[in-house]
C-alpha cells in the first residue's frame, strides 16, 4: 500500500511537471504539486517537509506559534488547518492542546485552574475549596490548590513541607552514622561490623585490614610496631560511638547549610545531640 501511494505520488508529480503546474517551495526551493504545500496566512507556500521540520523545532522549544518560513521576514503564522496538513496526528493534537492552554492562560479567566498532573482545566467557583478534583478519567488525582501537591488535608502545606524536610534530614544523618559505624573492605567493598574477636580483619576476598584505623595490613606486625600501634584486642564500641556522633553532627550541619529554609526543623535521633 505504501509503495502504491508513493508510485501514485510520483506519477502525479510527473503529470504536474509536464503541465508546468509545480510550485516552488519558499524554503528549500524544490518544486511540488499544490496538494503537497502549506501556506501561511499571507499566502507564502512551502512544502510539507520544510513545514514539518520547522514546526517540530518550534514545538521542541515550547513555542505556540508557527511563523512563516519566508526569508522576507513575514510575520504571519500558519493556521491550524494548514498545520494539520503536515504534522502527524499525535503531534498536531499535542501542539493544539498547548496552544489552547496558552490561550486560556492569556485570557486570565477568573477561577480557571489546571490539574498539576495533566492538562485538565476547570473553573473553581468556591474559593474556599482547598482541593482540586481532576475530572480527567486518565488522571483523577486530588491536589492541593495552594502547593499543587497531592491533597494532604487536614495537614497544612507547611506541615507537609516540614515532614518532608524532617525525613530528608533524618535520612542524611542516619546514612552518615551508618557509614561511620561500618567497615568497608578496601579491595572488594564488602561491608562488615565486628561483634567480637581481634582487630585483624580477614575479608573473604583475601584482603586484610585493621578494624581500628581501617587501613590495609598484611600481618600482625601492625599491632606491635610504630610509636603508637593499634590495639589487637581492644573493644572499639566506645570509640565507634564517638565517630558516629561526630559524623551525625557533621551531616546535620551540612544538611542545614544546604537547606536554610528549613531552619526550624528539629532532628530527633537517639544518640545524637
C-alpha atoms as a PDB file:
ATOM      1  CA  UNK A   1       0.000   0.000   0.000  1.00  0.00           C
ATOM      2  CA  UNK A   2       2.831   2.400   0.849  1.00  0.00           C
ATOM      3  CA  UNK A   3       4.563   1.556  -2.445  1.00  0.00           C
ATOM      4  CA  UNK A   4       1.326   2.185  -4.366  1.00  0.00           C
ATOM      5  CA  UNK A   5       0.921   5.543  -2.639  1.00  0.00           C
ATOM      6  CA  UNK A   6       4.490   6.529  -3.476  1.00  0.00           C
ATOM      7  CA  UNK A   7       4.038   5.477  -7.107  1.00  0.00           C
ATOM      8  CA  UNK A   8       0.809   7.433  -7.388  1.00  0.00           C
ATOM      9  CA  UNK A   9       2.523  10.466  -5.867  1.00  0.00           C
ATOM     10  CA  UNK A  10       5.424  10.239  -8.306  1.00  0.00           C
ATOM     11  CA  UNK A  11       3.114   9.870 -11.332  1.00  0.00           C
ATOM     12  CA  UNK A  12       1.097  12.861 -10.176  1.00  0.00           C
ATOM     13  CA  UNK A  13       4.248  14.964  -9.834  1.00  0.00           C
ATOM     14  CA  UNK A  14       5.367  13.954 -13.325  1.00  0.00           C
ATOM     15  CA  UNK A  15       1.987  14.962 -14.707  1.00  0.00           C
ATOM     16  CA  UNK A  16       2.126  18.329 -12.937  1.00  0.00           C
ATOM     17  CA  UNK A  17       5.670  18.839 -14.198  1.00  0.00           C
ATOM     18  CA  UNK A  18       4.620  18.209 -17.804  1.00  0.00           C
ATOM     19  CA  UNK A  19       1.820  20.717 -17.425  1.00  0.00           C
ATOM     20  CA  UNK A  20       4.090  23.227 -15.672  1.00  0.00           C
ATOM     21  CA  UNK A  21       1.873  23.181 -12.613  1.00  0.00           C
ATOM     22  CA  UNK A  22       4.510  22.527  -9.951  1.00  0.00           C
ATOM     23  CA  UNK A  23       5.049  25.236  -7.330  1.00  0.00           C
ATOM     24  CA  UNK A  24       8.380  26.274  -5.825  1.00  0.00           C
ATOM     25  CA  UNK A  25       8.798  25.887  -2.070  1.00  0.00           C
ATOM     26  CA  UNK A  26       9.786  29.196  -0.493  1.00  0.00           C
ATOM     27  CA  UNK A  27      12.221  27.424   1.849  1.00  0.00           C
ATOM     28  CA  UNK A  28      14.078  24.622   0.020  1.00  0.00           C
ATOM     29  CA  UNK A  29      13.163  25.919  -3.496  1.00  0.00           C
ATOM     30  CA  UNK A  30      12.147  22.454  -4.632  1.00  0.00           C
ATOM     31  CA  UNK A  31       9.122  22.007  -6.904  1.00  0.00           C
ATOM     32  CA  UNK A  32       5.938  20.377  -5.580  1.00  0.00           C
ATOM     33  CA  UNK A  33       2.275  19.973  -6.507  1.00  0.00           C
ATOM     34  CA  UNK A  34      -0.188  22.229  -4.682  1.00  0.00           C
ATOM     35  CA  UNK A  35      -1.523  19.212  -2.744  1.00  0.00           C
ATOM     36  CA  UNK A  36       1.859  18.933  -1.007  1.00  0.00           C
ATOM     37  CA  UNK A  37       2.135  22.577   0.015  1.00  0.00           C
ATOM     38  CA  UNK A  38       1.035  24.555   3.050  1.00  0.00           C
ATOM     39  CA  UNK A  39       0.736  28.316   3.267  1.00  0.00           C
ATOM     40  CA  UNK A  40       0.990  30.987   5.915  1.00  0.00           C
ATOM     41  CA  UNK A  41      -1.872  33.426   6.423  1.00  0.00           C
ATOM     42  CA  UNK A  42      -0.204  35.762   3.918  1.00  0.00           C
ATOM     43  CA  UNK A  43      -0.096  33.134   1.179  1.00  0.00           C
ATOM     44  CA  UNK A  44       3.575  32.116   1.162  1.00  0.00           C
ATOM     45  CA  UNK A  45       3.842  28.465   0.117  1.00  0.00           C
ATOM     46  CA  UNK A  46       6.148  25.774   1.480  1.00  0.00           C
ATOM     47  CA  UNK A  47       6.490  22.011   1.081  1.00  0.00           C
ATOM     48  CA  UNK A  48       5.305  19.699   3.834  1.00  0.00           C
ATOM     49  CA  UNK A  49       8.834  18.553   4.723  1.00  0.00           C
ATOM     50  CA  UNK A  50      10.110  22.087   5.346  1.00  0.00           C
ATOM     51  CA  UNK A  51       6.990  22.968   7.315  1.00  0.00           C
ATOM     52  CA  UNK A  52       7.223  19.801   9.400  1.00  0.00           C
ATOM     53  CA  UNK A  53      10.883  20.285  10.268  1.00  0.00           C
ATOM     54  CA  UNK A  54      10.341  23.926  11.229  1.00  0.00           C
ATOM     55  CA  UNK A  55       7.248  23.066  13.278  1.00  0.00           C
ATOM     56  CA  UNK A  56       8.972  20.276  15.184  1.00  0.00           C
ATOM     57  CA  UNK A  57      11.830  22.630  16.052  1.00  0.00           C
ATOM     58  CA  UNK A  58       9.374  25.258  17.345  1.00  0.00           C
ATOM     59  CA  UNK A  59       7.446  22.669  19.335  1.00  0.00           C
ATOM     60  CA  UNK A  60      10.684  21.398  20.850  1.00  0.00           C
ATOM     61  CA  UNK A  61      11.373  24.934  22.047  1.00  0.00           C
ATOM     62  CA  UNK A  62       7.944  25.159  23.684  1.00  0.00           C
ATOM     63  CA  UNK A  63       6.567  27.728  21.226  1.00  0.00           C
ATOM     64  CA  UNK A  64       2.854  28.006  20.429  1.00  0.00           C
ATOM     65  CA  UNK A  65       3.173  29.955  17.163  1.00  0.00           C
ATOM     66  CA  UNK A  66       4.415  28.578  13.862  1.00  0.00           C
ATOM     67  CA  UNK A  67       5.616  31.594  11.921  1.00  0.00           C
ATOM     68  CA  UNK A  68       6.054  31.873   8.169  1.00  0.00           C
ATOM     69  CA  UNK A  69       9.323  30.499   6.791  1.00  0.00           C
ATOM     70  CA  UNK A  70       9.693  33.129   4.089  1.00  0.00           C
ATOM     71  CA  UNK A  71      13.060  34.912   4.052  1.00  0.00           C
ATOM     72  CA  UNK A  72      11.321  38.276   3.555  1.00  0.00           C
ATOM     73  CA  UNK A  73      10.609  38.414   7.275  1.00  0.00           C
ATOM     74  CA  UNK A  74       6.883  37.696   7.008  1.00  0.00           C
ATOM     75  CA  UNK A  75       5.321  37.746  10.479  1.00  0.00           C
ATOM     76  CA  UNK A  76       2.169  35.805   9.641  1.00  0.00           C
ATOM     77  CA  UNK A  77       1.507  32.372  11.176  1.00  0.00           C
ATOM     78  CA  UNK A  78       0.357  29.032   9.826  1.00  0.00           C
ATOM     79  CA  UNK A  79      -3.327  28.493  10.600  1.00  0.00           C
ATOM     80  CA  UNK A  80      -4.386  25.238  12.353  1.00  0.00           C
ATOM     81  CA  UNK A  81      -5.965  23.860   9.160  1.00  0.00           C
ATOM     82  CA  UNK A  82      -2.587  24.253   7.430  1.00  0.00           C
ATOM     83  CA  UNK A  83      -0.590  22.804  10.331  1.00  0.00           C
ATOM     84  CA  UNK A  84      -2.839  19.742  10.299  1.00  0.00           C
ATOM     85  CA  UNK A  85      -1.690  19.016   6.744  1.00  0.00           C
ATOM     86  CA  UNK A  86       1.966  18.469   7.565  1.00  0.00           C
ATOM     87  CA  UNK A  87       2.133  17.383  11.219  1.00  0.00           C
ATOM     88  CA  UNK A  88       1.482  13.751  12.235  1.00  0.00           C
ATOM     89  CA  UNK A  89      -1.891  13.430  14.056  1.00  0.00           C
ATOM     90  CA  UNK A  90      -0.415  12.826  17.532  1.00  0.00           C
ATOM     91  CA  UNK A  91       1.967  15.772  17.235  1.00  0.00           C
ATOM     92  CA  UNK A  92      -0.783  18.006  15.895  1.00  0.00           C
ATOM     93  CA  UNK A  93      -3.097  17.109  18.773  1.00  0.00           C
ATOM     94  CA  UNK A  94      -0.392  17.726  21.381  1.00  0.00           C
ATOM     95  CA  UNK A  95       0.516  21.052  19.781  1.00  0.00           C
ATOM     96  CA  UNK A  96      -3.085  22.261  19.679  1.00  0.00           C
ATOM     97  CA  UNK A  97      -3.522  21.364  23.359  1.00  0.00           C
ATOM     98  CA  UNK A  98      -0.514  23.517  24.149  1.00  0.00           C
ATOM     99  CA  UNK A  99      -1.925  26.371  22.047  1.00  0.00           C
ATOM    100  CA  UNK A 100      -5.287  26.148  23.824  1.00  0.00           C
ATOM    101  CA  UNK A 101      -3.595  26.106  27.227  1.00  0.00           C
ATOM    102  CA  UNK A 102      -1.614  29.223  26.335  1.00  0.00           C
ATOM    103  CA  UNK A 103      -4.759  30.962  25.073  1.00  0.00           C
ATOM    104  CA  UNK A 104      -6.561  30.170  28.332  1.00  0.00           C
ATOM    105  CA  UNK A 105      -3.615  31.407  30.355  1.00  0.00           C
ATOM    106  CA  UNK A 106      -3.592  34.701  28.482  1.00  0.00           C
ATOM    107  CA  UNK A 107      -7.358  35.033  28.841  1.00  0.00           C
ATOM    108  CA  UNK A 108      -6.937  35.060  32.652  1.00  0.00           C
ATOM    109  CA  UNK A 109     -10.395  33.609  33.296  1.00  0.00           C
ATOM    110  CA  UNK A 110     -11.320  34.090  36.932  1.00  0.00           C
ATOM    111  CA  UNK A 111     -11.262  30.812  38.851  1.00  0.00           C
ATOM    112  CA  UNK A 112      -9.769  28.760  35.996  1.00  0.00           C
ATOM    113  CA  UNK A 113      -7.276  26.223  37.311  1.00  0.00           C
ATOM    114  CA  UNK A 114      -5.280  23.355  35.833  1.00  0.00           C
ATOM    115  CA  UNK A 115      -4.507  19.938  37.260  1.00  0.00           C
ATOM    116  CA  UNK A 116      -0.773  19.825  38.153  1.00  0.00           C
ATOM    117  CA  UNK A 117      -0.569  16.268  36.790  1.00  0.00           C
ATOM    118  CA  UNK A 118      -2.390  16.588  33.441  1.00  0.00           C
ATOM    119  CA  UNK A 119      -3.917  19.153  31.060  1.00  0.00           C
ATOM    120  CA  UNK A 120      -7.418  19.105  32.562  1.00  0.00           C
ATOM    121  CA  UNK A 121      -8.793  22.547  33.455  1.00  0.00           C
ATOM    122  CA  UNK A 122     -11.928  23.684  35.209  1.00  0.00           C
ATOM    123  CA  UNK A 123     -13.372  26.777  36.848  1.00  0.00           C
ATOM    124  CA  UNK A 124     -13.429  26.630  40.655  1.00  0.00           C
ATOM    125  CA  UNK A 125     -16.409  28.664  41.814  1.00  0.00           C
ATOM    126  CA  UNK A 126     -15.927  28.151  45.555  1.00  0.00           C
ATOM    127  CA  UNK A 127     -12.746  29.969  46.504  1.00  0.00           C
ATOM    128  CA  UNK A 128     -12.736  28.219  49.887  1.00  0.00           C
ATOM    129  CA  UNK A 129     -12.265  24.787  48.293  1.00  0.00           C
ATOM    130  CA  UNK A 130      -8.761  23.679  49.182  1.00  0.00           C
ATOM    131  CA  UNK A 131      -8.660  20.601  46.921  1.00  0.00           C
ATOM    132  CA  UNK A 132      -8.708  20.402  43.115  1.00  0.00           C
ATOM    133  CA  UNK A 133     -10.605  17.303  41.953  1.00  0.00           C
ATOM    134  CA  UNK A 134      -9.366  16.364  38.474  1.00  0.00           C
ATOM    135  CA  UNK A 135     -12.203  15.068  36.267  1.00  0.00           C
ATOM    136  CA  UNK A 136      -9.879  13.550  33.676  1.00  0.00           C
ATOM    137  CA  UNK A 137     -10.596   9.752  33.819  1.00  0.00           C
ATOM    138  CA  UNK A 138      -6.952   9.023  32.966  1.00  0.00           C
ATOM    139  CA  UNK A 139      -5.759  11.114  35.925  1.00  0.00           C
ATOM    140  CA  UNK A 140      -8.383  11.648  38.631  1.00  0.00           C
ATOM    141  CA  UNK A 141      -5.884  12.998  41.171  1.00  0.00           C
ATOM    142  CA  UNK A 142      -6.884  15.215  44.069  1.00  0.00           C
ATOM    143  CA  UNK A 143      -4.380  18.007  44.623  1.00  0.00           C
ATOM    144  CA  UNK A 144      -3.865  20.927  46.971  1.00  0.00           C
ATOM    145  CA  UNK A 145      -4.791  24.215  45.285  1.00  0.00           C
ATOM    146  CA  UNK A 146      -2.119  26.066  47.231  1.00  0.00           C
ATOM    147  CA  UNK A 147       1.046  23.964  46.911  1.00  0.00           C
ATOM    148  CA  UNK A 148      -0.058  21.940  43.842  1.00  0.00           C
ATOM    149  CA  UNK A 149       0.966  18.678  45.519  1.00  0.00           C
ATOM    150  CA  UNK A 150      -1.253  15.674  46.236  1.00  0.00           C
ATOM    151  CA  UNK A 151      -4.067  16.580  48.627  1.00  0.00           C
ATOM    152  CA  UNK A 152      -2.937  16.382  52.256  1.00  0.00           C
ATOM    153  CA  UNK A 153      -5.853  17.579  54.396  1.00  0.00           C
ATOM    154  CA  UNK A 154      -6.140  18.009  57.343  1.00  0.00           C
ATOM    155  CA  UNK A 155      -2.429  18.868  57.345  1.00  0.00           C
ATOM    156  CA  UNK A 156      -1.349  22.292  56.129  1.00  0.00           C
ATOM    157  CA  UNK A 157       1.135  22.780  53.300  1.00  0.00           C
ATOM    158  CA  UNK A 158       3.686  23.955  55.858  1.00  0.00           C
ATOM    159  CA  UNK A 159       3.228  20.832  57.981  1.00  0.00           C
ATOM    160  CA  UNK A 160       3.673  18.573  54.963  1.00  0.00           C
ATOM    161  CA  UNK A 161       6.766  20.527  53.932  1.00  0.00           C
ATOM    162  CA  UNK A 162       8.178  20.216  57.453  1.00  0.00           C
ATOM    163  CA  UNK A 163       7.638  16.453  57.432  1.00  0.00           C
ATOM    164  CA  UNK A 164       9.473  16.090  54.120  1.00  0.00           C
ATOM    165  CA  UNK A 165      12.352  18.190  55.389  1.00  0.00           C
ATOM    166  CA  UNK A 166      12.447  16.217  58.610  1.00  0.00           C
ATOM    167  CA  UNK A 167      12.592  12.939  56.701  1.00  0.00           C
ATOM    168  CA  UNK A 168      15.316  14.308  54.437  1.00  0.00           C
ATOM    169  CA  UNK A 169      17.412  15.454  57.410  1.00  0.00           C
ATOM    170  CA  UNK A 170      16.913  12.187  59.291  1.00  0.00           C
ATOM    171  CA  UNK A 171      17.919  10.088  56.262  1.00  0.00           C
ATOM    172  CA  UNK A 172      21.047  12.194  55.651  1.00  0.00           C
ATOM    173  CA  UNK A 173      22.157  11.872  59.277  1.00  0.00           C
ATOM    174  CA  UNK A 174      21.348   8.169  59.561  1.00  0.00           C
ATOM    175  CA  UNK A 175      23.298   7.440  56.378  1.00  0.00           C
ATOM    176  CA  UNK A 176      26.335   9.271  57.773  1.00  0.00           C
ATOM    177  CA  UNK A 177      26.027   7.381  61.073  1.00  0.00           C
ATOM    178  CA  UNK A 178      25.876   4.032  59.301  1.00  0.00           C
ATOM    179  CA  UNK A 179      28.935   4.871  57.208  1.00  0.00           C
ATOM    180  CA  UNK A 180      30.855   5.816  60.371  1.00  0.00           C
ATOM    181  CA  UNK A 181      29.874   2.608  62.154  1.00  0.00           C
ATOM    182  CA  UNK A 182      30.585   0.050  59.452  1.00  0.00           C
ATOM    183  CA  UNK A 183      33.884  -1.089  57.937  1.00  0.00           C
ATOM    184  CA  UNK A 184      34.280  -1.470  54.195  1.00  0.00           C
ATOM    185  CA  UNK A 185      36.884  -3.703  52.566  1.00  0.00           C
ATOM    186  CA  UNK A 186      39.324  -1.591  50.577  1.00  0.00           C
ATOM    187  CA  UNK A 187      39.615  -4.303  47.932  1.00  0.00           C
ATOM    188  CA  UNK A 188      36.080  -5.602  47.292  1.00  0.00           C
ATOM    189  CA  UNK A 189      33.940  -3.026  49.178  1.00  0.00           C
ATOM    190  CA  UNK A 190      32.271  -5.691  51.281  1.00  0.00           C
ATOM    191  CA  UNK A 191      30.645  -4.208  54.386  1.00  0.00           C
ATOM    192  CA  UNK A 192      31.056  -5.712  57.861  1.00  0.00           C
ATOM    193  CA  UNK A 193      30.767  -4.908  61.567  1.00  0.00           C
ATOM    194  CA  UNK A 194      32.844  -6.798  64.171  1.00  0.00           C
ATOM    195  CA  UNK A 195      30.951  -8.241  67.145  1.00  0.00           C
ATOM    196  CA  UNK A 196      33.913  -9.922  68.860  1.00  0.00           C
ATOM    197  CA  UNK A 197      37.438 -11.214  68.229  1.00  0.00           C
ATOM    198  CA  UNK A 198      40.663  -9.380  67.489  1.00  0.00           C
ATOM    199  CA  UNK A 199      41.049  -6.300  65.334  1.00  0.00           C
ATOM    200  CA  UNK A 200      42.840  -8.037  62.447  1.00  0.00           C
ATOM    201  CA  UNK A 201      40.044  -8.417  59.885  1.00  0.00           C
ATOM    202  CA  UNK A 202      40.356 -11.013  57.136  1.00  0.00           C
ATOM    203  CA  UNK A 203      37.922 -10.372  54.286  1.00  0.00           C
ATOM    204  CA  UNK A 204      36.610 -13.272  52.206  1.00  0.00           C
ATOM    205  CA  UNK A 205      38.326 -11.705  49.171  1.00  0.00           C
ATOM    206  CA  UNK A 206      41.715 -12.238  50.833  1.00  0.00           C
ATOM    207  CA  UNK A 207      42.364  -8.660  51.879  1.00  0.00           C
ATOM    208  CA  UNK A 208      43.445  -7.815  55.421  1.00  0.00           C
ATOM    209  CA  UNK A 209      42.731  -4.627  57.325  1.00  0.00           C
ATOM    210  CA  UNK A 210      42.854  -3.162  60.809  1.00  0.00           C
ATOM    211  CA  UNK A 211      39.440  -2.716  62.367  1.00  0.00           C
ATOM    212  CA  UNK A 212      40.659   0.217  64.473  1.00  0.00           C
ATOM    213  CA  UNK A 213      42.320   2.505  61.914  1.00  0.00           C
ATOM    214  CA  UNK A 214      40.661   0.872  58.869  1.00  0.00           C
ATOM    215  CA  UNK A 215      43.950   0.699  56.961  1.00  0.00           C
ATOM    216  CA  UNK A 216      45.148  -2.256  54.817  1.00  0.00           C
ATOM    217  CA  UNK A 217      47.573  -4.552  56.671  1.00  0.00           C
ATOM    218  CA  UNK A 218      49.401  -7.778  55.799  1.00  0.00           C
ATOM    219  CA  UNK A 219      50.257  -9.262  59.187  1.00  0.00           C
ATOM    220  CA  UNK A 220      50.117  -8.784  62.956  1.00  0.00           C
ATOM    221  CA  UNK A 221      53.198  -6.558  62.982  1.00  0.00           C
ATOM    222  CA  UNK A 222      50.796  -3.630  62.538  1.00  0.00           C
ATOM    223  CA  UNK A 223      49.684  -4.114  66.166  1.00  0.00           C
ATOM    224  CA  UNK A 224      53.219  -4.173  67.608  1.00  0.00           C
ATOM    225  CA  UNK A 225      55.316  -1.764  65.537  1.00  0.00           C
ATOM    226  CA  UNK A 226      55.462   2.018  65.490  1.00  0.00           C
ATOM    227  CA  UNK A 227      55.288   4.623  68.238  1.00  0.00           C
ATOM    228  CA  UNK A 228      51.572   4.079  68.785  1.00  0.00           C
ATOM    229  CA  UNK A 229      50.393   0.736  67.350  1.00  0.00           C
ATOM    230  CA  UNK A 230      46.684  -0.107  67.169  1.00  0.00           C
ATOM    231  CA  UNK A 231      45.454  -2.457  69.941  1.00  0.00           C
ATOM    232  CA  UNK A 232      44.899  -6.037  68.819  1.00  0.00           C
ATOM    233  CA  UNK A 233      42.141  -6.899  71.281  1.00  0.00           C
ATOM    234  CA  UNK A 234      40.674  -3.596  72.441  1.00  0.00           C
ATOM    235  CA  UNK A 235      36.891  -3.203  72.161  1.00  0.00           C
ATOM    236  CA  UNK A 236      36.109  -0.450  69.629  1.00  0.00           C
ATOM    237  CA  UNK A 237      32.474   0.189  70.642  1.00  0.00           C
ATOM    238  CA  UNK A 238      33.170   3.324  72.681  1.00  0.00           C
ATOM    239  CA  UNK A 239      35.447   4.795  70.009  1.00  0.00           C
ATOM    240  CA  UNK A 240      32.946   3.938  67.278  1.00  0.00           C
ATOM    241  CA  UNK A 241      30.203   5.780  69.167  1.00  0.00           C
ATOM    242  CA  UNK A 242      32.367   8.903  69.187  1.00  0.00           C
ATOM    243  CA  UNK A 243      32.913   8.606  65.425  1.00  0.00           C
ATOM    244  CA  UNK A 244      29.216   8.014  64.827  1.00  0.00           C
ATOM    245  CA  UNK A 245      28.236  11.054  66.893  1.00  0.00           C
ATOM    246  CA  UNK A 246      30.764  13.234  65.079  1.00  0.00           C
ATOM    247  CA  UNK A 247      29.556  12.009  61.668  1.00  0.00           C
ATOM    248  CA  UNK A 248      25.955  12.773  62.640  1.00  0.00           C
ATOM    249  CA  UNK A 249      26.802  16.297  63.725  1.00  0.00           C
ATOM    250  CA  UNK A 250      28.750  16.984  60.550  1.00  0.00           C
ATOM    251  CA  UNK A 251      25.963  15.563  58.364  1.00  0.00           C
ATOM    252  CA  UNK A 252      23.345  17.679  60.118  1.00  0.00           C
ATOM    253  CA  UNK A 253      25.459  20.833  59.753  1.00  0.00           C
ATOM    254  CA  UNK A 254      25.941  20.139  56.042  1.00  0.00           C
ATOM    255  CA  UNK A 255      22.221  19.475  55.500  1.00  0.00           C
ATOM    256  CA  UNK A 256      21.213  22.679  57.290  1.00  0.00           C
ATOM    257  CA  UNK A 257      23.696  24.692  55.215  1.00  0.00           C
ATOM    258  CA  UNK A 258      22.072  23.295  52.077  1.00  0.00           C
ATOM    259  CA  UNK A 259      18.506  23.898  53.356  1.00  0.00           C
ATOM    260  CA  UNK A 260      18.440  27.328  55.026  1.00  0.00           C
ATOM    261  CA  UNK A 261      14.663  27.497  54.516  1.00  0.00           C
ATOM    262  CA  UNK A 262      14.229  24.618  56.987  1.00  0.00           C
ATOM    263  CA  UNK A 263      15.891  26.238  59.993  1.00  0.00           C
ATOM    264  CA  UNK A 264      13.014  25.346  62.330  1.00  0.00           C
ATOM    265  CA  UNK A 265      13.236  21.609  61.599  1.00  0.00           C
ATOM    266  CA  UNK A 266      14.271  19.583  64.642  1.00  0.00           C
ATOM    267  CA  UNK A 267      16.226  16.341  64.485  1.00  0.00           C
ATOM    268  CA  UNK A 268      15.323  13.565  66.923  1.00  0.00           C
ATOM    269  CA  UNK A 269      17.569  10.533  66.595  1.00  0.00           C
ATOM    270  CA  UNK A 270      18.697   8.515  69.563  1.00  0.00           C
ATOM    271  CA  UNK A 271      22.348   9.091  70.352  1.00  0.00           C
ATOM    272  CA  UNK A 272      22.520  12.421  68.518  1.00  0.00           C
ATOM    273  CA  UNK A 273      22.536  15.684  70.468  1.00  0.00           C
END
